[in-house]
């Protein structure tokens, strides 16, 4: 869900493989790495067109806003993606 290419030919996306919509990085096929594993949703409803639950930053990190626990953002901060 919401795939985005990041610097270094890295794919960022949200997956619910753990039962929670969390943010993952995939630098090589089959190499999925969770960026901030939490019991929180980093994705919203799929029908909310144009919404982006995370964003890459110019310094090479990724920022996201999980719900329902806003405190999870403070725990994760902006995450390195490489």
Protein backbone atom coordinates (compact mmCIF):
# COMPACT_ATOMS: atom_id res chain seq x y z
CA UNK A 1 0.00 0.00 0.00
CA UNK A 2 1.27 3.52 -0.85
CA UNK A 3 4.60 2.47 -2.43
CA UNK A 4 7.21 5.22 -2.75
CA UNK A 5 10.70 5.06 -4.26
CA UNK A 6 13.31 6.48 -1.89
CA UNK A 7 16.92 7.42 -2.65
CA UNK A 8 19.24 4.48 -3.33
CA UNK A 9 16.63 2.54 -5.35
CA UNK A 10 14.82 1.55 -2.14
CA UNK A 11 11.10 0.90 -2.05
CA UNK A 12 9.10 2.08 0.97
CA UNK A 13 5.60 0.73 1.52
CA UNK A 14 3.01 -0.13 4.13
CA UNK A 15 2.07 -3.75 4.75
CA UNK A 16 -0.23 -5.47 7.25
CA UNK A 17 1.81 -8.69 7.38
CA UNK A 18 1.82 -8.48 11.22
CA UNK A 19 -1.84 -7.48 11.52
CA UNK A 20 -0.89 -3.79 11.79
CA UNK A 21 -0.28 -1.44 8.84
CA UNK A 22 3.45 -0.77 9.43
CA UNK A 23 6.13 0.86 7.29
CA UNK A 24 8.69 -1.34 5.49
CA UNK A 25 11.80 -0.85 3.40
CA UNK A 26 12.72 -3.23 0.56
CA UNK A 27 16.18 -2.72 -0.90
CA UNK A 28 16.30 -6.12 -2.64
CA UNK A 29 13.57 -8.60 -3.59
CA UNK A 30 12.53 -10.53 -0.49
CA UNK A 31 14.47 -8.21 1.80
CA UNK A 32 11.62 -6.49 3.65
CA UNK A 33 12.76 -4.62 6.77
CA UNK A 34 10.27 -3.05 9.19
CA UNK A 35 11.25 0.57 9.87
CA UNK A 36 9.22 1.12 13.02
CA UNK A 37 7.41 -2.04 14.14
CA UNK A 38 4.57 -0.98 16.42
CA UNK A 39 1.08 -2.07 17.42
CA UNK A 40 -0.21 0.96 15.54
CA UNK A 41 -1.54 1.72 12.07
CA UNK A 42 0.70 3.72 9.71
CA UNK A 43 -1.92 3.55 6.98
CA UNK A 44 -5.35 5.03 6.59
CA UNK A 45 -8.35 4.02 4.53
CA UNK A 46 -7.49 3.08 0.95
CA UNK A 47 -10.34 5.23 -0.35
CA UNK A 48 -8.69 8.45 0.95
CA UNK A 49 -7.06 9.41 -2.36
CA UNK A 50 -4.03 11.69 -2.16
CA UNK A 51 -3.34 10.97 1.50
CA UNK A 52 0.17 9.85 2.33
CA UNK A 53 0.80 8.36 5.79
CA UNK A 54 4.57 8.79 5.50
CA UNK A 55 7.01 11.00 3.62
CA UNK A 56 10.68 10.76 2.70
CA UNK A 57 12.77 13.68 3.93
CA UNK A 58 15.62 15.46 2.08
CA UNK A 59 18.18 14.17 4.60
CA UNK A 60 17.38 10.51 3.76
CA UNK A 61 15.01 9.76 6.63
CA UNK A 62 11.34 8.90 6.62
CA UNK A 63 8.64 10.48 8.80
CA UNK A 64 5.27 8.90 9.50
CA UNK A 65 2.22 9.48 11.64
CA UNK A 66 0.82 6.30 13.19
CA UNK A 67 -2.64 5.97 14.70
CA UNK A 68 -4.24 5.46 17.12
CA UNK A 69 -1.26 6.03 19.41
CA UNK A 70 0.29 9.40 18.51
CA UNK A 71 3.03 8.65 21.05
CA UNK A 72 4.41 6.05 18.65
CA UNK A 73 5.70 8.88 16.45
CA UNK A 74 7.77 10.22 19.33
CA UNK A 75 9.13 6.72 19.91
CA UNK A 76 10.14 6.30 16.26
CA UNK A 77 10.95 9.86 15.23
CA UNK A 78 12.23 10.30 11.70
CA UNK A 79 13.70 7.02 10.56
CA UNK A 80 16.80 6.35 8.47
CA UNK A 81 15.83 4.41 5.35
CA UNK A 82 19.24 3.16 4.26
